[in-house]
Structure formats: C-alpha cells, structure tokens
N, C-alpha and C. Protein backbone atom coordinates (compact mmCIF):
# COMPACT_ATOMS: atom_id res chain seq x y z
N MET A 1 -1.29 6.66 23.89
CA MET A 1 -0.19 6.55 22.93
C MET A 1 -0.60 5.69 21.73
N LEU A 2 -1.25 4.56 21.99
CA LEU A 2 -1.69 3.69 20.89
C LEU A 2 -2.73 4.39 20.03
N GLY A 3 -3.58 5.19 20.66
CA GLY A 3 -4.60 5.91 19.91
C GLY A 3 -3.98 6.83 18.87
N LEU A 4 -2.90 7.46 19.23
CA LEU A 4 -2.19 8.35 18.31
C LEU A 4 -1.58 7.55 17.16
N GLN A 5 -1.03 6.39 17.45
CA GLN A 5 -0.46 5.52 16.41
C GLN A 5 -1.55 5.03 15.45
N VAL A 6 -2.71 4.71 16.01
CA VAL A 6 -3.84 4.25 15.19
C VAL A 6 -4.27 5.36 14.23
N LEU A 7 -4.42 6.56 14.74
CA LEU A 7 -4.81 7.69 13.91
C LEU A 7 -3.77 7.98 12.84
N GLN A 8 -2.51 7.91 13.20
CA GLN A 8 -1.42 8.14 12.24
C GLN A 8 -1.45 7.09 11.13
N LEU A 9 -1.66 5.82 11.49
CA LEU A 9 -1.74 4.76 10.50
C LEU A 9 -2.95 4.96 9.58
N PHE A 10 -4.07 5.35 10.15
CA PHE A 10 -5.29 5.61 9.38
C PHE A 10 -5.00 6.67 8.31
N ARG A 11 -4.38 7.76 8.71
CA ARG A 11 -4.05 8.83 7.77
C ARG A 11 -3.04 8.37 6.73
N THR A 12 -2.04 7.63 7.16
CA THR A 12 -1.00 7.15 6.24
C THR A 12 -1.59 6.21 5.20
N LEU A 13 -2.47 5.32 5.62
CA LEU A 13 -3.11 4.40 4.68
C LEU A 13 -3.91 5.17 3.63
N HIS A 14 -4.62 6.20 4.05
CA HIS A 14 -5.41 6.98 3.10
C HIS A 14 -4.51 7.78 2.15
N ARG A 15 -3.43 8.32 2.65
CA ARG A 15 -2.50 9.05 1.76
C ARG A 15 -1.87 8.09 0.74
N THR A 16 -1.47 6.94 1.20
CA THR A 16 -0.88 5.94 0.30
C THR A 16 -1.90 5.50 -0.74
N ARG A 17 -3.13 5.26 -0.31
CA ARG A 17 -4.20 4.87 -1.23
C ARG A 17 -4.37 5.92 -2.32
N GLN A 18 -4.35 7.19 -1.94
CA GLN A 18 -4.52 8.26 -2.92
C GLN A 18 -3.36 8.31 -3.92
N GLN A 19 -2.16 8.05 -3.46
CA GLN A 19 -0.99 8.08 -4.35
C GLN A 19 -0.96 6.86 -5.26
N VAL A 20 -1.19 5.69 -4.69
CA VAL A 20 -1.07 4.44 -5.45
C VAL A 20 -2.18 4.31 -6.49
N PHE A 21 -3.40 4.71 -6.14
CA PHE A 21 -4.53 4.54 -7.04
C PHE A 21 -4.98 5.86 -7.68
N LYS A 22 -4.04 6.77 -7.85
CA LYS A 22 -4.33 8.08 -8.43
C LYS A 22 -5.06 7.93 -9.77
N ASN A 23 -6.12 8.69 -9.94
CA ASN A 23 -6.94 8.71 -11.17
C ASN A 23 -7.67 7.41 -11.46
N ASP A 24 -7.76 6.50 -10.51
CA ASP A 24 -8.50 5.25 -10.69
C ASP A 24 -9.68 5.27 -9.72
N LYS A 25 -10.82 5.75 -10.20
CA LYS A 25 -11.97 5.95 -9.31
C LYS A 25 -12.41 4.67 -8.63
N ARG A 26 -12.42 3.56 -9.36
CA ARG A 26 -12.87 2.30 -8.77
C ARG A 26 -11.92 1.84 -7.67
N ALA A 27 -10.62 1.93 -7.91
CA ALA A 27 -9.65 1.51 -6.90
C ALA A 27 -9.61 2.46 -5.72
N LEU A 28 -9.88 3.74 -5.96
CA LEU A 28 -9.88 4.71 -4.87
C LEU A 28 -10.98 4.41 -3.85
N GLU A 29 -11.93 3.58 -4.23
CA GLU A 29 -12.99 3.19 -3.30
C GLU A 29 -12.46 2.28 -2.19
N ALA A 30 -11.19 1.96 -2.22
CA ALA A 30 -10.58 1.22 -1.11
C ALA A 30 -10.73 2.02 0.18
N ARG A 31 -11.02 3.30 0.04
CA ARG A 31 -11.29 4.17 1.20
C ARG A 31 -12.37 3.57 2.08
N VAL A 32 -13.39 3.04 1.45
CA VAL A 32 -14.51 2.45 2.19
C VAL A 32 -14.02 1.26 3.02
N LYS A 33 -13.19 0.42 2.44
CA LYS A 33 -12.68 -0.76 3.14
C LYS A 33 -11.79 -0.36 4.32
N ILE A 34 -10.93 0.63 4.10
CA ILE A 34 -10.07 1.11 5.19
C ILE A 34 -10.94 1.61 6.34
N ASN A 35 -11.92 2.45 6.01
CA ASN A 35 -12.80 2.99 7.05
C ASN A 35 -13.57 1.89 7.77
N GLU A 36 -14.07 0.91 7.03
CA GLU A 36 -14.82 -0.20 7.64
C GLU A 36 -13.95 -0.96 8.64
N GLU A 37 -12.72 -1.26 8.26
CA GLU A 37 -11.83 -2.02 9.15
C GLU A 37 -11.52 -1.25 10.43
N PHE A 38 -11.28 0.04 10.31
CA PHE A 38 -10.99 0.83 11.50
C PHE A 38 -12.23 0.96 12.39
N LYS A 39 -13.41 1.12 11.79
CA LYS A 39 -14.64 1.22 12.57
C LYS A 39 -14.96 -0.11 13.26
N LYS A 40 -14.70 -1.21 12.56
CA LYS A 40 -14.99 -2.54 13.11
C LYS A 40 -14.19 -2.79 14.39
N HIS A 41 -13.00 -2.24 14.47
CA HIS A 41 -12.13 -2.51 15.61
C HIS A 41 -11.94 -1.31 16.54
N LYS A 42 -12.79 -0.30 16.42
CA LYS A 42 -12.59 0.92 17.21
C LYS A 42 -12.75 0.72 18.71
N ASN A 43 -13.45 -0.32 19.13
CA ASN A 43 -13.65 -0.56 20.56
C ASN A 43 -12.67 -1.59 21.13
N GLU A 44 -11.67 -1.96 20.36
CA GLU A 44 -10.67 -2.93 20.83
C GLU A 44 -9.91 -2.33 22.01
N ALA A 45 -9.79 -3.10 23.09
CA ALA A 45 -9.14 -2.60 24.30
C ALA A 45 -7.80 -3.28 24.58
N SER A 46 -7.57 -4.42 23.99
CA SER A 46 -6.35 -5.17 24.25
C SER A 46 -5.14 -4.52 23.56
N PRO A 47 -4.15 -4.05 24.33
CA PRO A 47 -2.96 -3.45 23.72
C PRO A 47 -2.23 -4.40 22.78
N GLU A 48 -2.20 -5.69 23.13
CA GLU A 48 -1.52 -6.67 22.28
C GLU A 48 -2.23 -6.79 20.93
N LYS A 49 -3.55 -6.86 20.96
CA LYS A 49 -4.34 -6.97 19.73
C LYS A 49 -4.19 -5.70 18.89
N ILE A 50 -4.18 -4.53 19.54
CA ILE A 50 -4.01 -3.26 18.83
C ILE A 50 -2.64 -3.22 18.17
N GLU A 51 -1.60 -3.63 18.89
CA GLU A 51 -0.24 -3.67 18.33
C GLU A 51 -0.19 -4.60 17.11
N GLU A 52 -0.86 -5.73 17.22
CA GLU A 52 -0.90 -6.70 16.11
C GLU A 52 -1.57 -6.08 14.89
N MET A 53 -2.68 -5.38 15.10
CA MET A 53 -3.40 -4.75 13.99
C MET A 53 -2.60 -3.59 13.41
N LEU A 54 -1.88 -2.84 14.27
CA LEU A 54 -1.01 -1.76 13.79
C LEU A 54 0.08 -2.33 12.89
N LYS A 55 0.66 -3.45 13.29
CA LYS A 55 1.70 -4.10 12.49
C LYS A 55 1.14 -4.52 11.13
N MET A 56 -0.04 -5.12 11.13
CA MET A 56 -0.64 -5.56 9.88
C MET A 56 -0.94 -4.36 8.97
N GLY A 57 -1.49 -3.30 9.54
CA GLY A 57 -1.79 -2.10 8.77
C GLY A 57 -0.53 -1.48 8.18
N SER A 58 0.54 -1.45 8.96
CA SER A 58 1.81 -0.91 8.48
C SER A 58 2.37 -1.77 7.35
N ASP A 59 2.23 -3.09 7.49
CA ASP A 59 2.70 -4.00 6.44
C ASP A 59 1.91 -3.79 5.15
N VAL A 60 0.60 -3.61 5.27
CA VAL A 60 -0.24 -3.37 4.10
C VAL A 60 0.16 -2.05 3.42
N GLU A 61 0.39 -1.02 4.22
CA GLU A 61 0.79 0.28 3.67
C GLU A 61 2.11 0.16 2.93
N LEU A 62 3.07 -0.55 3.51
CA LEU A 62 4.37 -0.75 2.87
C LEU A 62 4.23 -1.53 1.56
N LEU A 63 3.40 -2.56 1.58
CA LEU A 63 3.16 -3.36 0.38
C LEU A 63 2.55 -2.50 -0.73
N LEU A 64 1.55 -1.72 -0.39
CA LEU A 64 0.92 -0.84 -1.39
C LEU A 64 1.94 0.15 -1.96
N ARG A 65 2.70 0.75 -1.07
CA ARG A 65 3.64 1.80 -1.48
C ARG A 65 4.80 1.28 -2.31
N THR A 66 5.23 0.04 -2.06
CA THR A 66 6.44 -0.46 -2.72
C THR A 66 6.20 -1.49 -3.81
N CYS A 67 5.03 -2.10 -3.87
CA CYS A 67 4.84 -3.22 -4.79
C CYS A 67 3.71 -3.05 -5.81
N VAL A 68 2.87 -2.05 -5.66
CA VAL A 68 1.72 -1.91 -6.56
C VAL A 68 2.05 -0.90 -7.66
N ILE A 69 1.84 -1.33 -8.88
CA ILE A 69 2.02 -0.46 -10.05
C ILE A 69 0.67 -0.38 -10.76
N GLN A 70 0.29 0.83 -11.12
CA GLN A 70 -0.97 1.04 -11.80
C GLN A 70 -0.87 0.61 -13.25
N GLY A 71 -1.91 -0.03 -13.76
CA GLY A 71 -1.98 -0.41 -15.16
C GLY A 71 -3.24 0.16 -15.78
N ILE A 72 -3.11 0.67 -17.00
CA ILE A 72 -4.25 1.26 -17.70
C ILE A 72 -4.47 0.48 -18.99
N HIS A 73 -5.71 0.03 -19.22
CA HIS A 73 -6.04 -0.67 -20.46
C HIS A 73 -5.98 0.32 -21.62
N THR A 74 -5.10 0.04 -22.60
CA THR A 74 -5.03 0.91 -23.78
C THR A 74 -5.86 0.32 -24.92
N ASP A 75 -5.96 -0.99 -24.96
CA ASP A 75 -6.89 -1.67 -25.87
C ASP A 75 -7.19 -3.03 -25.25
N ARG A 76 -7.80 -3.89 -26.00
CA ARG A 76 -8.29 -5.15 -25.44
C ARG A 76 -7.20 -6.01 -24.78
N ASN A 77 -6.02 -6.08 -25.39
CA ASN A 77 -4.97 -6.96 -24.89
C ASN A 77 -3.72 -6.24 -24.41
N THR A 78 -3.81 -4.95 -24.17
CA THR A 78 -2.62 -4.19 -23.81
C THR A 78 -2.85 -3.36 -22.56
N LEU A 79 -1.86 -3.41 -21.68
CA LEU A 79 -1.87 -2.57 -20.48
C LEU A 79 -0.69 -1.63 -20.53
N LYS A 80 -0.92 -0.40 -20.17
CA LYS A 80 0.17 0.57 -20.04
C LYS A 80 0.46 0.70 -18.55
N LEU A 81 1.70 0.37 -18.16
CA LEU A 81 2.07 0.46 -16.75
C LEU A 81 2.46 1.89 -16.42
N VAL A 82 1.99 2.36 -15.27
CA VAL A 82 2.26 3.74 -14.84
C VAL A 82 2.93 3.68 -13.47
N PRO A 83 4.25 3.41 -13.43
CA PRO A 83 4.93 3.36 -12.13
C PRO A 83 5.11 4.76 -11.56
N ARG A 84 5.00 4.86 -10.26
CA ARG A 84 5.24 6.14 -9.59
C ARG A 84 6.74 6.39 -9.51
N ASN A 85 7.12 7.64 -9.46
CA ASN A 85 8.55 8.00 -9.43
C ASN A 85 9.27 7.38 -8.24
N ASP A 86 8.61 7.29 -7.09
CA ASP A 86 9.28 6.73 -5.92
C ASP A 86 9.57 5.24 -6.07
N LEU A 87 8.87 4.55 -6.97
CA LEU A 87 9.18 3.14 -7.22
C LEU A 87 10.41 2.98 -8.09
N LEU A 88 10.67 3.95 -8.93
CA LEU A 88 11.78 3.83 -9.88
C LEU A 88 13.13 4.15 -9.27
N THR A 89 13.16 4.76 -8.11
CA THR A 89 14.44 5.16 -7.54
C THR A 89 15.28 3.99 -7.05
N GLU A 90 14.65 2.92 -6.61
CA GLU A 90 15.41 1.79 -6.09
C GLU A 90 15.32 0.58 -7.02
N ASN A 91 15.10 0.82 -8.28
CA ASN A 91 14.96 -0.25 -9.24
C ASN A 91 16.33 -0.84 -9.57
N VAL A 92 16.49 -2.11 -9.33
CA VAL A 92 17.74 -2.80 -9.62
C VAL A 92 17.50 -3.69 -10.84
N PRO A 93 18.29 -3.52 -11.90
CA PRO A 93 18.08 -4.32 -13.11
C PRO A 93 18.27 -5.81 -12.82
N TYR A 94 17.47 -6.61 -13.46
CA TYR A 94 17.56 -8.06 -13.31
C TYR A 94 18.71 -8.57 -14.17
N CYS A 95 19.44 -9.52 -13.65
CA CYS A 95 20.56 -10.11 -14.39
C CYS A 95 20.31 -11.61 -14.51
N ASP A 96 20.21 -12.10 -15.75
CA ASP A 96 19.96 -13.52 -15.98
C ASP A 96 21.13 -14.38 -15.54
N ALA A 97 22.34 -13.89 -15.75
CA ALA A 97 23.54 -14.65 -15.42
C ALA A 97 24.24 -13.97 -14.25
N PRO A 98 24.15 -14.55 -13.06
CA PRO A 98 24.82 -13.93 -11.92
C PRO A 98 26.35 -13.90 -12.12
N ALA A 99 26.95 -12.90 -11.54
CA ALA A 99 28.41 -12.78 -11.64
C ALA A 99 29.08 -13.95 -10.94
N GLN A 100 30.15 -14.42 -11.54
CA GLN A 100 30.90 -15.55 -10.98
C GLN A 100 31.83 -15.04 -9.88
N LYS A 101 31.89 -15.77 -8.79
CA LYS A 101 32.82 -15.42 -7.72
C LYS A 101 34.22 -15.81 -8.16
N GLN A 102 35.16 -14.96 -7.83
CA GLN A 102 36.54 -15.25 -8.24
C GLN A 102 37.40 -15.61 -7.08
C-alpha cells in the first residue's frame, strides 16, 4: 500500500514541477533532485519513516502548487510575473484597514 502512495507522490511531484516551472528549462531540472531523493530512500523499510517522507513530499507539492509564481526578466530591473490560472481562483484582495466589528 505504501509503495503505491510513494509512486503516486512521485508522479504528482513531477506533474506539479512541469506546471509550476513551465517554459523554464533551468527550473525544470528540479526533476533531477526529485529523482535523486526518491532513489536515495528507495530501500527504506520503516513504515513510520516512509509515512514521514510521504508527508514531507505532499507538503512540498502543496507549497509548489499554491505558493510559487513564475517570474520572467523583461529587462535588468523588471520581472514579469506569470501566475497560473489555478492560483488566481482563490485570490483574496488585501485590505489595509480591517472592517470594524459592530
């Protein structure tokens, strides 16, 4: 059962990496790091340790999917932000002055 969860997380991380770093060849090389981490721990036998690593991997995937916005250098001092559509759906405008309780 854990093996299936590990494989699912591996695939999910790679899909998220492709979406988050779309058209950024250097950042897409995160593939190597993902593969290295999974290979490094492929012989882990402790279910508790595997669960812990699954949790960390899921947290990383969530962080990438919800918090990373791509930026493109347009000139020396300017970045153009390229947010993905799924990030814009839950965007809540910031309010400097909170509403007063009545």
